N, C-alpha and C. Protein backbone atom coordinates (compact mmCIF):
# COMPACT_ATOMS: atom_id res chain seq x y z
N UNK A 1 80.44 83.69 85.04
CA UNK A 1 79.97 84.49 86.18
C UNK A 1 78.74 85.16 86.38
N UNK A 2 78.65 84.38 87.23
CA UNK A 2 77.27 84.98 88.31
C UNK A 2 76.69 86.43 88.62
N UNK A 3 75.31 86.43 88.45
CA UNK A 3 74.93 87.94 88.42
C UNK A 3 74.96 88.40 89.49
N UNK A 4 75.61 89.27 89.96
CA UNK A 4 75.60 90.18 91.44
C UNK A 4 73.73 90.14 91.95
N UNK A 5 74.46 90.32 93.82
CA UNK A 5 72.61 89.56 94.02
C UNK A 5 72.73 90.96 94.38
N UNK A 6 70.37 91.38 94.15
CA UNK A 6 70.64 93.02 94.67
C UNK A 6 71.39 93.77 95.28
N UNK A 7 71.53 93.99 96.90
CA UNK A 7 72.38 94.53 97.44
C UNK A 7 73.70 94.72 96.94
N UNK A 8 73.94 93.97 96.44
CA UNK A 8 75.81 94.88 95.55
C UNK A 8 75.33 95.24 94.67
N UNK A 9 74.10 95.87 94.09
CA UNK A 9 73.98 97.02 92.93
C UNK A 9 74.92 98.60 94.12
N UNK A 10 74.27 98.64 95.29
CA UNK A 10 74.58 99.93 95.62
C UNK A 10 76.88 100.08 95.74
N UNK A 11 77.19 98.18 96.55
CA UNK A 11 78.44 98.68 95.46
C UNK A 11 79.62 99.41 94.36
N UNK A 12 78.21 98.81 93.12
CA UNK A 12 78.86 98.78 91.75
C UNK A 12 78.79 100.67 91.38
N UNK A 13 78.10 101.27 92.57
CA UNK A 13 77.04 102.61 92.31
C UNK A 13 79.03 103.68 92.92
N UNK A 14 78.83 103.26 94.01
CA UNK A 14 79.71 103.39 95.04
C UNK A 14 80.91 103.54 94.69
N UNK A 15 81.31 101.92 93.48
CA UNK A 15 82.32 101.96 93.20
C UNK A 15 82.78 102.31 91.80
N UNK A 16 81.58 103.11 91.20
CA UNK A 16 82.16 102.95 89.48
C UNK A 16 83.48 102.86 88.89
N UNK A 17 85.21 102.90 89.61
CA UNK A 17 86.16 103.09 89.43
C UNK A 17 86.00 100.99 88.23
N UNK A 18 85.58 100.73 89.33
CA UNK A 18 85.77 98.20 89.73
C UNK A 18 84.57 97.78 89.31
N UNK A 19 84.93 97.37 88.73
CA UNK A 19 83.71 96.04 87.98
C UNK A 19 83.98 94.90 89.18
N UNK A 20 82.54 94.51 90.05
CA UNK A 20 83.03 92.85 90.14
C UNK A 20 81.72 92.16 90.03
N UNK A 21 81.97 91.00 91.37
CA UNK A 21 81.71 90.00 90.18
C UNK A 21 81.55 89.17 91.67
N UNK A 22 80.41 87.55 91.75
CA UNK A 22 80.80 86.57 92.98
C UNK A 22 81.05 85.41 91.93
N UNK A 23 81.58 85.09 92.00
CA UNK A 23 82.67 83.25 91.42
C UNK A 23 81.13 82.68 91.57
N UNK A 24 81.99 81.28 90.75
CA UNK A 24 81.11 80.25 90.85
C UNK A 24 81.11 79.47 92.55
N UNK A 25 82.36 80.30 92.88
CA UNK A 25 82.85 79.27 93.96
C UNK A 25 82.66 80.03 95.39
N UNK A 26 81.36 81.12 95.42
CA UNK A 26 81.01 82.40 96.17
C UNK A 26 81.85 82.91 96.67
N UNK A 27 82.99 83.17 96.09
CA UNK A 27 84.42 84.78 96.65
C UNK A 27 83.97 85.76 95.58
N UNK A 28 83.53 86.59 96.52
CA UNK A 28 83.76 88.41 95.73
C UNK A 28 85.09 88.66 95.08
N UNK A 29 84.70 89.90 94.35
CA UNK A 29 85.95 90.46 93.27
C UNK A 29 86.12 90.68 92.81
N UNK A 30 86.75 91.57 92.81
CA UNK A 30 86.55 92.84 92.52
C UNK A 30 87.91 93.86 91.64
N UNK A 31 87.58 94.60 90.30
CA UNK A 31 88.96 94.32 89.16
C UNK A 31 88.75 96.15 88.92
N UNK A 32 89.67 96.77 88.50
CA UNK A 32 90.22 97.75 89.08
C UNK A 32 89.47 98.06 86.60
N UNK A 33 88.68 99.33 86.49
CA UNK A 33 88.02 99.45 85.68
C UNK A 33 89.97 100.48 84.19
N UNK A 34 90.78 100.91 85.17
CA UNK A 34 91.38 101.72 84.31
C UNK A 34 93.00 101.20 84.77
N UNK A 35 94.35 101.71 84.35
CA UNK A 35 95.27 100.61 84.01
C UNK A 35 96.50 101.63 85.33
N UNK A 36 97.12 101.01 85.53
CA UNK A 36 97.74 101.96 87.28
C UNK A 36 99.08 101.56 85.92
N UNK A 37 99.26 102.82 86.98
CA UNK A 37 100.81 103.49 87.10
C UNK A 37 101.67 102.43 87.79
N UNK A 38 103.72 102.83 86.84
CA UNK A 38 104.03 102.14 88.37
C UNK A 38 104.18 102.67 89.65
N UNK A 39 103.94 104.15 89.97
CA UNK A 39 104.29 105.19 91.15
C UNK A 39 102.64 104.29 91.45
N UNK A 40 101.65 103.82 90.74
CA UNK A 40 100.56 103.33 91.48
C UNK A 40 100.24 102.17 92.61
N UNK A 41 101.88 101.64 91.45
CA UNK A 41 102.57 99.60 91.72
C UNK A 41 102.87 100.14 92.83
N UNK A 42 103.60 100.56 92.77
CA UNK A 42 104.66 101.25 94.17
C UNK A 42 103.98 101.80 95.30
N UNK A 43 103.00 103.00 95.33
CA UNK A 43 101.68 102.63 96.74
C UNK A 43 101.22 101.15 97.09
N UNK A 44 101.11 100.70 96.55
CA UNK A 44 100.63 99.30 96.67
C UNK A 44 99.07 98.90 96.40
N UNK A 45 98.95 99.66 94.74
CA UNK A 45 97.32 99.55 94.45
C UNK A 45 97.49 98.00 93.43
N UNK A 46 96.55 97.75 93.57
CA UNK A 46 96.76 95.95 92.53
C UNK A 46 95.40 96.03 91.54
N UNK A 47 95.73 95.21 91.10
CA UNK A 47 94.28 95.78 89.44
C UNK A 47 93.02 94.37 90.06
N UNK A 48 93.44 93.39 90.82
CA UNK A 48 91.82 93.12 91.18
C UNK A 48 92.01 92.34 93.11
N UNK A 49 90.98 92.38 93.46
CA UNK A 49 90.51 92.77 94.73
C UNK A 49 89.36 90.88 94.87
N UNK A 50 89.96 90.41 96.19
CA UNK A 50 89.19 89.03 96.59
C UNK A 50 88.36 88.63 98.08
N UNK A 51 87.86 88.99 98.06
CA UNK A 51 86.76 88.21 99.99
C UNK A 51 85.58 87.74 99.79
N UNK A 52 85.49 86.93 100.52
CA UNK A 52 85.31 86.47 101.63
C UNK A 52 83.35 87.10 101.15
N UNK A 53 83.24 88.27 101.36
CA UNK A 53 81.86 88.76 101.61
C UNK A 53 81.73 90.18 100.80
N UNK A 54 80.97 91.04 100.59
CA UNK A 54 80.58 92.14 100.10
C UNK A 54 81.35 93.81 101.11
N UNK A 55 80.81 93.33 101.78
CA UNK A 55 81.75 94.48 103.33
C UNK A 55 83.38 94.33 103.26
N UNK A 56 83.68 92.46 103.45
CA UNK A 56 84.93 93.09 102.86
C UNK A 56 85.62 93.32 102.21
N UNK A 57 84.15 93.35 100.83
CA UNK A 57 85.38 93.75 99.51
C UNK A 57 85.57 95.40 99.39
N UNK A 58 84.16 95.49 100.08
CA UNK A 58 83.99 97.24 100.08
C UNK A 58 85.49 98.06 100.36
N UNK A 59 85.40 97.54 102.03
CA UNK A 59 86.83 98.25 102.52
C UNK A 59 88.01 98.41 102.14
N UNK A 60 87.92 96.71 101.60
CA UNK A 60 89.84 96.94 100.40
C UNK A 60 89.23 96.91 99.47
N UNK A 61 88.22 97.45 98.61
CA UNK A 61 88.00 99.20 97.80
C UNK A 61 87.85 100.35 98.38
N UNK A 62 87.60 101.19 99.81
CA UNK A 62 88.54 101.74 99.56
C UNK A 62 90.21 102.56 100.75
N UNK A 63 90.33 100.47 100.12
CA UNK A 63 91.65 100.63 101.09
C UNK A 63 92.25 101.69 99.89
N UNK A 64 92.16 100.39 99.27
CA UNK A 64 92.68 100.63 97.41
C UNK A 64 92.64 102.20 97.15
N UNK A 65 91.24 102.64 97.01
CA UNK A 65 91.33 104.03 97.07
C UNK A 65 92.23 104.83 97.01
N UNK A 66 92.53 104.76 99.05
CA UNK A 66 93.05 105.79 99.48
C UNK A 66 94.69 105.62 98.94
N UNK A 67 95.16 104.75 98.73
CA UNK A 67 96.63 104.78 97.83
C UNK A 67 96.65 106.13 97.27
N UNK A 68 95.87 105.26 96.57
CA UNK A 68 95.56 106.95 94.98
C UNK A 68 95.58 108.42 95.07
N UNK A 69 95.92 109.67 94.66
CA UNK A 69 96.00 110.58 94.75
C UNK A 69 94.60 110.38 94.07
N UNK A 70 93.60 111.63 94.75
CA UNK A 70 92.32 112.19 94.08
C UNK A 70 92.23 112.73 92.06
N UNK A 71 93.36 113.40 92.13
CA UNK A 71 93.73 113.38 90.95
C UNK A 71 93.89 112.34 89.50
N UNK A 72 94.22 110.90 90.35
CA UNK A 72 94.29 109.71 89.38
C UNK A 72 93.31 109.42 89.48
N UNK A 73 91.52 109.63 90.23
CA UNK A 73 90.05 108.85 89.79
C UNK A 73 90.04 108.01 89.37
N UNK A 74 89.37 107.34 88.83
CA UNK A 74 89.11 106.05 87.48
C UNK A 74 88.75 107.29 86.14
N UNK A 75 88.17 108.53 86.50
CA UNK A 75 87.38 109.24 85.60
C UNK A 75 89.02 111.49 85.28
N UNK A 76 89.96 110.28 85.76
CA UNK A 76 91.65 111.06 85.09
C UNK A 76 92.53 109.94 85.35
N UNK A 77 92.42 109.54 84.74
CA UNK A 77 93.33 107.78 85.08
C UNK A 77 94.67 108.78 84.93
N UNK A 78 95.11 109.61 83.80
CA UNK A 78 96.82 110.77 83.82
C UNK A 78 96.64 111.57 84.74
N UNK A 79 95.84 111.85 86.27
CA UNK A 79 95.77 112.57 87.40
C UNK A 79 95.94 114.67 86.66
N UNK A 80 95.91 114.66 85.37
CA UNK A 80 95.32 116.17 84.93
C UNK A 80 94.51 116.91 85.41
N UNK A 81 94.64 118.38 85.54
CA UNK A 81 94.09 119.35 86.28
C UNK A 81 92.84 118.51 85.77
N UNK A 82 91.30 119.53 85.92
CA UNK A 82 90.07 119.62 85.54
C UNK A 82 89.65 120.93 85.06
N UNK A 83 89.95 121.38 84.23
CA UNK A 83 90.15 122.67 83.47
C UNK A 83 88.62 123.10 82.61
């Protein structure tokens, strides 16, 4: 897997719940770091995304994150309340 270009480091920081990489064919990929529940999958969440460039991938990740409730963010995969 090729190293991410320097400008992609910002994407990695913006989306800590995702692993990002640039394939040998020049496609940008992202995979979730956490598992999806059945409800997440029913809502349209997916484990992997790909795009032609970093801006398009960022837009897809933002759309995916909008499908999940805030309580199910990567730091809280079971939707538990912070106590």
